[in-house]
Amino acid sequence: MPGPVISLLLLFFFSGEILMVVNGQKAWCGAKPAAPQHALQSARDYACNYADCSPTKKGGSCYDPDRPVHHASFGMNAYNQKMGRNQWNCHFNNTSLISLADPSYNPCCQFDTWCVPKPGTPDSALQNIINFTCGILKECSEIQEHGSCYFPNTLINHASFAMNLSYKTDGCYNCDFNCVGLSVVTNPSFGDCIYV
């Protein structure tokens, strides 16, 4: 992780709190390289009680390199993503940083994310996203009647599929969607409904 660690961007700090992240900017939570190993282990243990850190176990895609800073970064980011990407979910007793650089550290270990609507997004915004995204991509047969992702037949379910499809297809991994998109690390696939 040396490259991304060097490129970690310390955003605007005031009394140790992050004041602002560029609107719509994709960000990750990672371990401070200089944090003591025992503190990193403690942060990792805490994070992994709430988030899936199985890729960092022996034989997992993120096990190598087997270093506390790498495993802690994976756990911190998974926890932060699961808890909604709030700045206070990336504190870990001052052992972590917000990074605008992807902290993935080998081709097999990707901090994979999916794009879904934020809870509480108005139905009109969800319908606009479906119309726009499916109009451009023309790949929304899965959320059409008889499609694998048609049920549950709700706007939020269909918009979630469409947003993620656009997010993964355009190569830019932009999950803004007029400020209603949310990047998550939990795969929203279920049953026969497989998200990209």
N, C-alpha and C. Protein backbone atom coordinates (compact mmCIF):
# COMPACT_ATOMS: atom_id res chain seq x y z
N MET A 1 0.80 -1.20 0.00
CA MET A 1 0.00 0.00 0.00
C MET A 1 0.85 1.26 0.00
N PRO A 2 2.15 1.20 -0.25
CA PRO A 2 2.97 2.40 -0.18
C PRO A 2 2.49 3.51 -1.09
N GLY A 3 2.14 3.22 -2.36
CA GLY A 3 1.70 4.28 -3.27
C GLY A 3 0.49 5.02 -2.75
N PRO A 4 -0.62 4.30 -2.46
CA PRO A 4 -1.80 4.99 -1.96
C PRO A 4 -1.57 5.66 -0.61
N VAL A 5 -0.70 5.07 0.24
CA VAL A 5 -0.47 5.69 1.54
C VAL A 5 0.19 7.05 1.36
N ILE A 6 1.16 7.10 0.44
CA ILE A 6 1.83 8.37 0.19
C ILE A 6 0.84 9.38 -0.35
N SER A 7 -0.11 8.91 -1.14
CA SER A 7 -1.06 9.84 -1.75
C SER A 7 -2.28 10.10 -0.87
N LEU A 8 -2.26 9.59 0.35
CA LEU A 8 -3.37 9.89 1.26
C LEU A 8 -3.48 11.40 1.40
N LEU A 9 -4.67 11.85 1.28
CA LEU A 9 -4.89 13.30 1.35
C LEU A 9 -5.50 13.65 2.68
N LEU A 10 -4.78 14.43 3.44
CA LEU A 10 -5.35 14.94 4.68
C LEU A 10 -6.24 16.09 4.30
N LEU A 11 -7.52 15.89 4.50
CA LEU A 11 -8.47 16.91 4.13
C LEU A 11 -8.47 18.01 5.17
N PHE A 12 -9.37 18.92 5.10
CA PHE A 12 -9.39 20.08 5.97
C PHE A 12 -9.66 19.64 7.40
N PHE A 13 -8.67 19.80 8.26
CA PHE A 13 -8.80 19.38 9.65
C PHE A 13 -8.93 20.60 10.56
N PHE A 14 -9.77 20.47 11.54
CA PHE A 14 -9.89 21.48 12.58
C PHE A 14 -10.13 20.73 13.87
N SER A 15 -9.22 20.84 14.82
CA SER A 15 -9.29 20.09 16.07
C SER A 15 -9.45 18.60 15.81
N GLY A 16 -8.78 18.09 14.78
CA GLY A 16 -8.79 16.65 14.51
C GLY A 16 -10.02 16.15 13.78
N GLU A 17 -10.96 17.02 13.45
CA GLU A 17 -12.17 16.57 12.76
C GLU A 17 -12.12 17.01 11.30
N ILE A 18 -12.61 16.16 10.41
CA ILE A 18 -12.67 16.51 9.01
C ILE A 18 -13.83 17.46 8.81
N LEU A 19 -13.56 18.59 8.16
CA LEU A 19 -14.61 19.56 7.95
C LEU A 19 -15.36 19.33 6.64
N MET A 20 -14.65 18.87 5.61
CA MET A 20 -15.31 18.81 4.32
C MET A 20 -14.64 17.79 3.43
N VAL A 21 -15.43 17.04 2.68
CA VAL A 21 -14.93 16.20 1.60
C VAL A 21 -15.61 16.72 0.35
N VAL A 22 -14.89 16.78 -0.74
CA VAL A 22 -15.45 17.31 -1.97
C VAL A 22 -16.73 16.56 -2.30
N ASN A 23 -17.80 17.27 -2.56
CA ASN A 23 -19.12 16.69 -2.80
C ASN A 23 -19.06 15.68 -3.94
N GLY A 24 -19.55 14.47 -3.68
CA GLY A 24 -19.59 13.43 -4.71
C GLY A 24 -18.27 12.70 -4.89
N GLN A 25 -17.22 13.11 -4.22
CA GLN A 25 -15.91 12.49 -4.36
C GLN A 25 -15.91 11.12 -3.69
N LYS A 26 -15.39 10.14 -4.35
CA LYS A 26 -15.27 8.81 -3.76
C LYS A 26 -14.12 8.85 -2.76
N ALA A 27 -14.33 8.29 -1.60
CA ALA A 27 -13.32 8.32 -0.55
C ALA A 27 -13.28 6.97 0.15
N TRP A 28 -12.13 6.66 0.71
CA TRP A 28 -11.93 5.43 1.46
C TRP A 28 -11.38 5.77 2.84
N CYS A 29 -11.56 4.85 3.75
CA CYS A 29 -11.00 4.98 5.09
C CYS A 29 -9.84 4.00 5.19
N GLY A 30 -8.68 4.47 5.64
CA GLY A 30 -7.51 3.60 5.74
C GLY A 30 -6.69 3.90 6.97
N ALA A 31 -5.79 2.99 7.28
CA ALA A 31 -4.95 3.12 8.47
C ALA A 31 -3.82 4.11 8.25
N LYS A 32 -3.49 4.85 9.30
CA LYS A 32 -2.30 5.70 9.26
C LYS A 32 -1.08 4.79 9.26
N PRO A 33 -0.15 5.00 8.34
CA PRO A 33 1.02 4.13 8.26
C PRO A 33 1.86 4.12 9.53
N ALA A 34 1.88 5.23 10.28
CA ALA A 34 2.72 5.33 11.47
C ALA A 34 2.01 4.90 12.75
N ALA A 35 0.77 4.44 12.64
CA ALA A 35 0.03 4.03 13.84
C ALA A 35 0.68 2.79 14.45
N PRO A 36 0.73 2.70 15.77
CA PRO A 36 1.33 1.52 16.42
C PRO A 36 0.57 0.24 16.04
N GLN A 37 1.31 -0.85 15.92
CA GLN A 37 0.70 -2.12 15.50
C GLN A 37 -0.40 -2.57 16.43
N HIS A 38 -0.22 -2.39 17.74
CA HIS A 38 -1.26 -2.84 18.68
C HIS A 38 -2.54 -2.02 18.50
N ALA A 39 -2.40 -0.74 18.16
CA ALA A 39 -3.57 0.12 17.93
C ALA A 39 -4.27 -0.28 16.63
N LEU A 40 -3.48 -0.62 15.61
CA LEU A 40 -4.06 -1.07 14.35
C LEU A 40 -4.82 -2.38 14.53
N GLN A 41 -4.23 -3.29 15.31
CA GLN A 41 -4.90 -4.57 15.56
C GLN A 41 -6.21 -4.35 16.30
N SER A 42 -6.19 -3.45 17.27
CA SER A 42 -7.40 -3.15 18.03
C SER A 42 -8.48 -2.55 17.13
N ALA A 43 -8.08 -1.62 16.26
CA ALA A 43 -9.02 -1.00 15.33
C ALA A 43 -9.58 -2.03 14.36
N ARG A 44 -8.70 -2.90 13.86
CA ARG A 44 -9.14 -3.95 12.94
C ARG A 44 -10.13 -4.88 13.63
N ASP A 45 -9.82 -5.30 14.84
CA ASP A 45 -10.71 -6.20 15.57
C ASP A 45 -12.09 -5.57 15.75
N TYR A 46 -12.10 -4.30 16.12
CA TYR A 46 -13.37 -3.60 16.31
C TYR A 46 -14.16 -3.55 15.00
N ALA A 47 -13.48 -3.11 13.92
CA ALA A 47 -14.15 -2.96 12.63
C ALA A 47 -14.69 -4.30 12.13
N CYS A 48 -13.90 -5.34 12.31
CA CYS A 48 -14.28 -6.65 11.77
C CYS A 48 -15.37 -7.33 12.60
N ASN A 49 -15.69 -6.79 13.76
CA ASN A 49 -16.84 -7.29 14.51
C ASN A 49 -18.14 -6.87 13.83
N TYR A 50 -18.09 -5.82 13.02
CA TYR A 50 -19.27 -5.27 12.37
C TYR A 50 -19.27 -5.44 10.86
N ALA A 51 -18.11 -5.62 10.27
CA ALA A 51 -17.99 -5.72 8.80
C ALA A 51 -17.29 -7.02 8.43
N ASP A 52 -17.49 -7.45 7.21
CA ASP A 52 -16.89 -8.70 6.71
C ASP A 52 -15.43 -8.47 6.34
N CYS A 53 -14.54 -9.06 7.12
CA CYS A 53 -13.10 -8.95 6.84
C CYS A 53 -12.53 -10.28 6.38
N SER A 54 -13.39 -11.20 5.95
CA SER A 54 -12.91 -12.53 5.56
C SER A 54 -11.84 -12.49 4.45
N PRO A 55 -11.84 -11.50 3.53
CA PRO A 55 -10.78 -11.48 2.53
C PRO A 55 -9.38 -11.30 3.13
N THR A 56 -9.28 -10.81 4.39
CA THR A 56 -7.95 -10.63 5.00
C THR A 56 -7.50 -11.85 5.79
N LYS A 57 -8.33 -12.89 5.83
CA LYS A 57 -7.92 -14.13 6.52
C LYS A 57 -6.99 -14.92 5.62
N LYS A 58 -6.19 -15.79 6.22
CA LYS A 58 -5.22 -16.58 5.46
C LYS A 58 -5.93 -17.29 4.31
N GLY A 59 -5.39 -17.14 3.11
CA GLY A 59 -5.99 -17.71 1.92
C GLY A 59 -6.96 -16.77 1.22
N GLY A 60 -7.33 -15.66 1.88
CA GLY A 60 -8.25 -14.69 1.29
C GLY A 60 -7.56 -13.80 0.28
N SER A 61 -8.34 -13.13 -0.56
CA SER A 61 -7.79 -12.31 -1.63
C SER A 61 -7.01 -11.10 -1.12
N CYS A 62 -7.23 -10.70 0.14
CA CYS A 62 -6.53 -9.54 0.71
C CYS A 62 -5.61 -9.93 1.86
N TYR A 63 -5.25 -11.19 1.95
CA TYR A 63 -4.35 -11.62 3.03
C TYR A 63 -2.92 -11.10 2.81
N ASP A 64 -2.44 -11.20 1.57
CA ASP A 64 -1.08 -10.74 1.27
C ASP A 64 -1.12 -9.31 0.73
N PRO A 65 -0.20 -8.47 1.14
CA PRO A 65 0.84 -8.72 2.14
C PRO A 65 0.26 -8.79 3.54
N ASP A 66 0.78 -9.70 4.32
CA ASP A 66 0.29 -9.95 5.68
C ASP A 66 0.93 -8.94 6.63
N ARG A 67 0.39 -7.72 6.60
CA ARG A 67 0.89 -6.64 7.44
C ARG A 67 -0.27 -5.98 8.16
N PRO A 68 -0.09 -5.60 9.41
CA PRO A 68 -1.19 -4.98 10.17
C PRO A 68 -1.80 -3.77 9.48
N VAL A 69 -0.98 -2.92 8.84
CA VAL A 69 -1.52 -1.71 8.22
C VAL A 69 -2.45 -2.06 7.06
N HIS A 70 -2.15 -3.10 6.30
CA HIS A 70 -2.99 -3.50 5.18
C HIS A 70 -4.30 -4.09 5.67
N HIS A 71 -4.21 -5.01 6.62
CA HIS A 71 -5.42 -5.65 7.14
C HIS A 71 -6.30 -4.65 7.88
N ALA A 72 -5.68 -3.75 8.63
CA ALA A 72 -6.45 -2.74 9.35
C ALA A 72 -7.15 -1.81 8.36
N SER A 73 -6.47 -1.42 7.30
CA SER A 73 -7.08 -0.55 6.29
C SER A 73 -8.30 -1.21 5.67
N PHE A 74 -8.20 -2.49 5.35
CA PHE A 74 -9.34 -3.18 4.77
C PHE A 74 -10.52 -3.17 5.75
N GLY A 75 -10.25 -3.52 7.01
CA GLY A 75 -11.30 -3.55 8.02
C GLY A 75 -11.91 -2.18 8.27
N MET A 76 -11.08 -1.16 8.38
CA MET A 76 -11.58 0.20 8.61
C MET A 76 -12.47 0.65 7.46
N ASN A 77 -12.03 0.39 6.23
CA ASN A 77 -12.82 0.81 5.08
C ASN A 77 -14.14 0.05 5.01
N ALA A 78 -14.10 -1.25 5.26
CA ALA A 78 -15.33 -2.05 5.23
C ALA A 78 -16.31 -1.55 6.28
N TYR A 79 -15.81 -1.24 7.47
CA TYR A 79 -16.67 -0.72 8.55
C TYR A 79 -17.25 0.64 8.15
N ASN A 80 -16.39 1.52 7.66
CA ASN A 80 -16.84 2.86 7.29
C ASN A 80 -17.90 2.80 6.20
N GLN A 81 -17.69 1.96 5.19
CA GLN A 81 -18.67 1.82 4.11
C GLN A 81 -19.99 1.26 4.64
N LYS A 82 -19.90 0.25 5.50
CA LYS A 82 -21.11 -0.37 6.03
C LYS A 82 -21.92 0.59 6.89
N MET A 83 -21.23 1.47 7.61
CA MET A 83 -21.91 2.39 8.51
C MET A 83 -22.38 3.68 7.82
N GLY A 84 -22.18 3.78 6.51
CA GLY A 84 -22.73 4.91 5.78
C GLY A 84 -21.73 5.96 5.34
N ARG A 85 -20.44 5.68 5.45
CA ARG A 85 -19.39 6.58 5.00
C ARG A 85 -19.43 7.93 5.70
N ASN A 86 -19.75 7.93 6.97
CA ASN A 86 -19.72 9.17 7.74
C ASN A 86 -18.31 9.40 8.26
N GLN A 87 -17.91 10.66 8.37
CA GLN A 87 -16.55 10.95 8.82
C GLN A 87 -16.27 10.39 10.20
N TRP A 88 -17.27 10.34 11.07
CA TRP A 88 -17.04 9.83 12.42
C TRP A 88 -16.89 8.31 12.44
N ASN A 89 -17.21 7.62 11.33
CA ASN A 89 -16.99 6.18 11.26
C ASN A 89 -15.59 5.85 10.77
N CYS A 90 -14.77 6.86 10.55
CA CYS A 90 -13.38 6.64 10.15
C CYS A 90 -12.47 7.38 11.11
N HIS A 91 -12.61 7.08 12.39
CA HIS A 91 -11.77 7.73 13.39
C HIS A 91 -10.83 6.70 14.03
N PHE A 92 -11.38 5.64 14.58
CA PHE A 92 -10.60 4.54 15.15
C PHE A 92 -9.47 5.03 16.07
N ASN A 93 -9.85 5.82 17.05
CA ASN A 93 -8.88 6.34 18.02
C ASN A 93 -7.68 7.00 17.36
N ASN A 94 -7.97 7.77 16.32
CA ASN A 94 -6.94 8.54 15.63
C ASN A 94 -5.88 7.67 14.95
N THR A 95 -6.27 6.47 14.49
CA THR A 95 -5.32 5.60 13.77
C THR A 95 -5.65 5.54 12.28
N SER A 96 -6.63 6.34 11.82
CA SER A 96 -7.06 6.24 10.43
C SER A 96 -7.10 7.60 9.74
N LEU A 97 -7.23 7.54 8.42
CA LEU A 97 -7.30 8.73 7.58
C LEU A 97 -8.34 8.51 6.48
N ILE A 98 -8.92 9.59 6.00
CA ILE A 98 -9.75 9.55 4.80
C ILE A 98 -8.81 9.71 3.61
N SER A 99 -8.98 8.83 2.61
CA SER A 99 -8.14 8.87 1.42
C SER A 99 -9.00 9.06 0.19
N LEU A 100 -8.54 9.88 -0.74
CA LEU A 100 -9.20 10.01 -2.03
C LEU A 100 -8.57 9.08 -3.05
N ALA A 101 -7.53 8.36 -2.65
CA ALA A 101 -6.87 7.38 -3.51
C ALA A 101 -7.34 5.98 -3.10
N ASP A 102 -7.62 5.14 -4.07
CA ASP A 102 -8.06 3.77 -3.79
C ASP A 102 -6.94 3.02 -3.08
N PRO A 103 -7.21 2.50 -1.86
CA PRO A 103 -6.16 1.82 -1.10
C PRO A 103 -5.97 0.35 -1.48
N SER A 104 -6.64 -0.14 -2.52
CA SER A 104 -6.43 -1.53 -2.93
C SER A 104 -4.95 -1.72 -3.19
N TYR A 105 -4.42 -2.84 -2.71
CA TYR A 105 -2.97 -2.98 -2.76
C TYR A 105 -2.46 -4.17 -3.54
N ASN A 106 -3.29 -4.90 -4.20
CA ASN A 106 -2.84 -5.87 -5.17
C ASN A 106 -4.00 -6.15 -6.10
N PRO A 107 -3.75 -6.73 -7.27
CA PRO A 107 -4.83 -6.89 -8.25
C PRO A 107 -6.00 -7.74 -7.74
N CYS A 108 -5.75 -8.62 -6.79
CA CYS A 108 -6.81 -9.48 -6.29
C CYS A 108 -7.59 -8.83 -5.16
N CYS A 109 -6.96 -7.91 -4.46
CA CYS A 109 -7.62 -7.28 -3.31
C CYS A 109 -8.18 -5.94 -3.72
N GLN A 110 -9.42 -5.94 -4.12
CA GLN A 110 -10.09 -4.70 -4.47
C GLN A 110 -11.07 -4.34 -3.36
N PHE A 111 -11.10 -3.10 -3.00
CA PHE A 111 -12.07 -2.62 -2.03
C PHE A 111 -13.36 -2.40 -2.83
N ASP A 112 -14.04 -3.50 -3.16
CA ASP A 112 -15.16 -3.43 -4.08
C ASP A 112 -16.33 -2.69 -3.46
N THR A 113 -17.02 -1.95 -4.29
CA THR A 113 -18.17 -1.18 -3.84
C THR A 113 -19.30 -1.30 -4.85
N TRP A 114 -20.50 -1.06 -4.38
CA TRP A 114 -21.70 -1.03 -5.22
C TRP A 114 -22.37 0.31 -4.97
N CYS A 115 -23.18 0.74 -5.91
CA CYS A 115 -23.86 2.03 -5.80
C CYS A 115 -25.35 1.80 -5.65
N VAL A 116 -25.93 2.37 -4.61
CA VAL A 116 -27.37 2.24 -4.34
C VAL A 116 -27.91 3.61 -3.90
N PRO A 117 -29.23 3.79 -3.92
CA PRO A 117 -29.79 5.07 -3.47
C PRO A 117 -29.69 5.23 -1.96
N LYS A 118 -29.54 6.46 -1.53
CA LYS A 118 -29.56 6.75 -0.10
C LYS A 118 -30.97 6.50 0.43
N PRO A 119 -31.07 5.99 1.66
CA PRO A 119 -32.40 5.83 2.26
C PRO A 119 -33.12 7.19 2.28
N GLY A 120 -34.41 7.16 2.01
CA GLY A 120 -35.20 8.39 2.03
C GLY A 120 -35.20 9.17 0.72
N THR A 121 -34.56 8.62 -0.32
CA THR A 121 -34.58 9.30 -1.62
C THR A 121 -36.03 9.34 -2.14
N PRO A 122 -36.51 10.50 -2.57
CA PRO A 122 -37.89 10.61 -3.05
C PRO A 122 -38.16 9.70 -4.26
N ASP A 123 -39.40 9.20 -4.35
CA ASP A 123 -39.77 8.32 -5.45
C ASP A 123 -39.55 8.99 -6.81
N SER A 124 -39.81 10.28 -6.90
CA SER A 124 -39.63 10.98 -8.18
C SER A 124 -38.17 10.94 -8.63
N ALA A 125 -37.23 11.08 -7.68
CA ALA A 125 -35.81 11.02 -8.02
C ALA A 125 -35.42 9.60 -8.44
N LEU A 126 -35.98 8.61 -7.75
CA LEU A 126 -35.69 7.21 -8.11
C LEU A 126 -36.19 6.91 -9.52
N GLN A 127 -37.40 7.36 -9.84
CA GLN A 127 -37.95 7.11 -11.18
C GLN A 127 -37.13 7.82 -12.24
N ASN A 128 -36.68 9.04 -11.96
CA ASN A 128 -35.84 9.76 -12.92
C ASN A 128 -34.53 9.03 -13.18
N ILE A 129 -33.95 8.45 -12.12
CA ILE A 129 -32.70 7.70 -12.27
C ILE A 129 -32.93 6.47 -13.15
N ILE A 130 -34.02 5.75 -12.89
CA ILE A 130 -34.33 4.56 -13.69
C ILE A 130 -34.52 4.96 -15.16
N ASN A 131 -35.32 5.98 -15.39
CA ASN A 131 -35.60 6.42 -16.78
C ASN A 131 -34.32 6.83 -17.49
N PHE A 132 -33.52 7.64 -16.83
CA PHE A 132 -32.29 8.14 -17.44
C PHE A 132 -31.29 7.01 -17.68
N THR A 133 -31.01 6.24 -16.64
CA THR A 133 -30.00 5.19 -16.74
C THR A 133 -30.40 4.11 -17.73
N CYS A 134 -31.63 3.64 -17.65
CA CYS A 134 -32.08 2.58 -18.56
C CYS A 134 -32.22 3.09 -19.98
N GLY A 135 -32.50 4.38 -20.14
CA GLY A 135 -32.58 4.97 -21.47
C GLY A 135 -31.22 5.00 -22.16
N ILE A 136 -30.17 5.24 -21.38
CA ILE A 136 -28.82 5.31 -21.94
C ILE A 136 -28.23 3.91 -22.13
N LEU A 137 -28.31 3.08 -21.08
CA LEU A 137 -27.66 1.77 -21.12
C LEU A 137 -28.45 0.72 -21.87
N LYS A 138 -29.77 0.84 -21.84
CA LYS A 138 -30.65 -0.13 -22.49
C LYS A 138 -30.32 -1.56 -22.04
N GLU A 139 -29.96 -1.70 -20.79
CA GLU A 139 -29.60 -3.01 -20.24
C GLU A 139 -30.40 -3.31 -18.98
N CYS A 140 -31.60 -2.82 -18.91
CA CYS A 140 -32.37 -2.94 -17.67
C CYS A 140 -33.41 -4.06 -17.73
N SER A 141 -33.17 -5.07 -18.56
CA SER A 141 -34.15 -6.16 -18.67
C SER A 141 -34.32 -6.90 -17.34
N GLU A 142 -33.31 -6.89 -16.49
CA GLU A 142 -33.40 -7.59 -15.21
C GLU A 142 -34.46 -7.00 -14.28
N ILE A 143 -34.77 -5.70 -14.44
CA ILE A 143 -35.79 -5.09 -13.57
C ILE A 143 -37.13 -4.94 -14.29
N GLN A 144 -37.23 -5.50 -15.49
CA GLN A 144 -38.51 -5.55 -16.20
C GLN A 144 -39.28 -6.76 -15.70
N GLU A 145 -40.59 -6.77 -15.94
CA GLU A 145 -41.40 -7.92 -15.53
C GLU A 145 -40.79 -9.20 -16.08
N HIS A 146 -40.70 -10.23 -15.27
CA HIS A 146 -40.09 -11.53 -15.56
C HIS A 146 -38.56 -11.48 -15.49
N GLY A 147 -37.97 -10.33 -15.18
CA GLY A 147 -36.52 -10.24 -15.03
C GLY A 147 -36.09 -10.74 -13.66
N SER A 148 -34.83 -11.11 -13.52
CA SER A 148 -34.32 -11.69 -12.27
C SER A 148 -34.34 -10.73 -11.09
N CYS A 149 -34.41 -9.41 -11.36
CA CYS A 149 -34.41 -8.41 -10.29
C CYS A 149 -35.70 -7.60 -10.25
N TYR A 150 -36.75 -8.13 -10.85
CA TYR A 150 -38.03 -7.41 -10.87
C TYR A 150 -38.64 -7.35 -9.46
N PHE A 151 -38.55 -8.44 -8.73
CA PHE A 151 -39.08 -8.48 -7.35
C PHE A 151 -37.96 -8.22 -6.37
N PRO A 152 -38.16 -7.47 -5.30
CA PRO A 152 -39.41 -6.78 -5.01
C PRO A 152 -39.63 -5.64 -5.99
N ASN A 153 -40.87 -5.51 -6.43
CA ASN A 153 -41.24 -4.52 -7.43
C ASN A 153 -41.41 -3.16 -6.77
N THR A 154 -40.27 -2.55 -6.41
CA THR A 154 -40.28 -1.24 -5.76
C THR A 154 -39.33 -0.32 -6.52
N LEU A 155 -39.59 0.97 -6.44
CA LEU A 155 -38.71 1.93 -7.10
C LEU A 155 -37.30 1.88 -6.54
N ILE A 156 -37.17 1.75 -5.23
CA ILE A 156 -35.82 1.76 -4.64
C ILE A 156 -35.03 0.53 -5.08
N ASN A 157 -35.68 -0.62 -5.21
CA ASN A 157 -35.01 -1.82 -5.67
C ASN A 157 -34.57 -1.67 -7.12
N HIS A 158 -35.47 -1.19 -7.97
CA HIS A 158 -35.15 -1.04 -9.38
C HIS A 158 -34.09 0.06 -9.60
N ALA A 159 -34.21 1.17 -8.88
CA ALA A 159 -33.22 2.24 -9.00
C ALA A 159 -31.85 1.77 -8.52
N SER A 160 -31.84 0.97 -7.47
CA SER A 160 -30.58 0.44 -6.96
C SER A 160 -29.87 -0.38 -8.03
N PHE A 161 -30.61 -1.24 -8.71
CA PHE A 161 -30.01 -2.05 -9.77
C PHE A 161 -29.50 -1.16 -10.90
N ALA A 162 -30.33 -0.20 -11.33
CA ALA A 162 -29.95 0.68 -12.44
C ALA A 162 -28.74 1.54 -12.08
N MET A 163 -28.73 2.08 -10.87
CA MET A 163 -27.60 2.92 -10.44
C MET A 163 -26.31 2.12 -10.42
N ASN A 164 -26.37 0.92 -9.87
CA ASN A 164 -25.17 0.11 -9.80
C ASN A 164 -24.68 -0.29 -11.19
N LEU A 165 -25.62 -0.60 -12.08
CA LEU A 165 -25.25 -0.95 -13.45
C LEU A 165 -24.50 0.20 -14.11
N SER A 166 -25.02 1.41 -13.96
CA SER A 166 -24.36 2.59 -14.52
C SER A 166 -23.00 2.80 -13.86
N TYR A 167 -22.96 2.67 -12.54
CA TYR A 167 -21.75 2.86 -11.74
C TYR A 167 -20.63 1.94 -12.22
N LYS A 168 -20.97 0.68 -12.49
CA LYS A 168 -19.95 -0.28 -12.90
C LYS A 168 -19.66 -0.21 -14.40
N THR A 169 -20.61 0.25 -15.19
CA THR A 169 -20.45 0.25 -16.65
C THR A 169 -19.64 1.43 -17.15
N ASP A 170 -19.84 2.60 -16.56
CA ASP A 170 -19.20 3.80 -17.12
C ASP A 170 -17.71 3.88 -16.84
N GLY A 171 -17.20 3.02 -15.95
CA GLY A 171 -15.77 2.99 -15.69
C GLY A 171 -15.27 4.12 -14.82
N CYS A 172 -16.13 5.09 -14.52
CA CYS A 172 -15.72 6.24 -13.71
C CYS A 172 -16.05 6.03 -12.24
N TYR A 173 -16.85 5.04 -11.95
CA TYR A 173 -17.27 4.76 -10.58
C TYR A 173 -17.79 6.02 -9.90
N ASN A 174 -18.69 6.70 -10.59
CA ASN A 174 -19.31 7.90 -10.03
C ASN A 174 -20.68 7.51 -9.49
N CYS A 175 -20.84 7.62 -8.18
CA CYS A 175 -22.09 7.23 -7.52
C CYS A 175 -22.80 8.46 -6.95
N ASP A 176 -22.70 9.57 -7.61
CA ASP A 176 -23.32 10.79 -7.09
C ASP A 176 -24.82 10.84 -7.37
N PHE A 177 -25.21 10.69 -8.64
CA PHE A 177 -26.61 10.71 -9.04
C PHE A 177 -27.36 11.88 -8.38
N ASN A 178 -26.85 13.08 -8.59
CA ASN A 178 -27.44 14.29 -8.00
C ASN A 178 -27.57 14.18 -6.48
N CYS A 179 -26.53 13.68 -5.86
CA CYS A 179 -26.39 13.60 -4.40
C CYS A 179 -27.32 12.57 -3.73
N VAL A 180 -27.86 11.62 -4.49
CA VAL A 180 -28.70 10.60 -3.84
C VAL A 180 -28.05 9.22 -3.85
N GLY A 181 -26.84 9.09 -4.43
CA GLY A 181 -26.15 7.81 -4.48
C GLY A 181 -25.30 7.57 -3.26
N LEU A 182 -25.16 6.30 -2.92
CA LEU A 182 -24.35 5.89 -1.76
C LEU A 182 -23.53 4.67 -2.15
N SER A 183 -22.20 4.74 -2.01
CA SER A 183 -21.34 3.58 -2.26
C SER A 183 -21.36 2.69 -1.03
N VAL A 184 -21.56 1.40 -1.25
CA VAL A 184 -21.59 0.44 -0.14
C VAL A 184 -20.64 -0.71 -0.45
N VAL A 185 -20.17 -1.41 0.59
CA VAL A 185 -19.30 -2.56 0.40
C VAL A 185 -20.05 -3.87 0.53
N THR A 186 -21.32 -3.81 0.89
CA THR A 186 -22.13 -5.02 0.98
C THR A 186 -22.83 -5.23 -0.35
N ASN A 187 -22.56 -6.36 -0.99
CA ASN A 187 -23.15 -6.66 -2.29
C ASN A 187 -24.67 -6.77 -2.15
N PRO A 188 -25.43 -5.95 -2.89
CA PRO A 188 -26.89 -6.00 -2.76
C PRO A 188 -27.54 -7.15 -3.52
N SER A 189 -26.76 -8.01 -4.16
CA SER A 189 -27.32 -9.16 -4.88
C SER A 189 -28.11 -10.04 -3.93
N PHE A 190 -29.15 -10.69 -4.46
CA PHE A 190 -29.94 -11.62 -3.65
C PHE A 190 -30.58 -12.63 -4.59
N GLY A 191 -30.64 -13.88 -4.16
CA GLY A 191 -31.24 -14.92 -4.98
C GLY A 191 -30.67 -14.95 -6.38
N ASP A 192 -31.54 -14.90 -7.39
CA ASP A 192 -31.12 -14.90 -8.78
C ASP A 192 -30.79 -13.50 -9.28
N CYS A 193 -31.00 -12.49 -8.44
CA CYS A 193 -30.73 -11.10 -8.83
C CYS A 193 -29.27 -10.78 -8.51
N ILE A 194 -28.45 -10.82 -9.52
CA ILE A 194 -27.00 -10.61 -9.34
C ILE A 194 -26.61 -9.24 -9.84
N TYR A 195 -26.09 -8.43 -8.92
CA TYR A 195 -25.58 -7.11 -9.29
C TYR A 195 -24.19 -7.27 -9.87
N VAL A 196 -23.84 -6.39 -10.80
CA VAL A 196 -22.52 -6.45 -11.45
C VAL A 196 -21.44 -6.43 -10.39
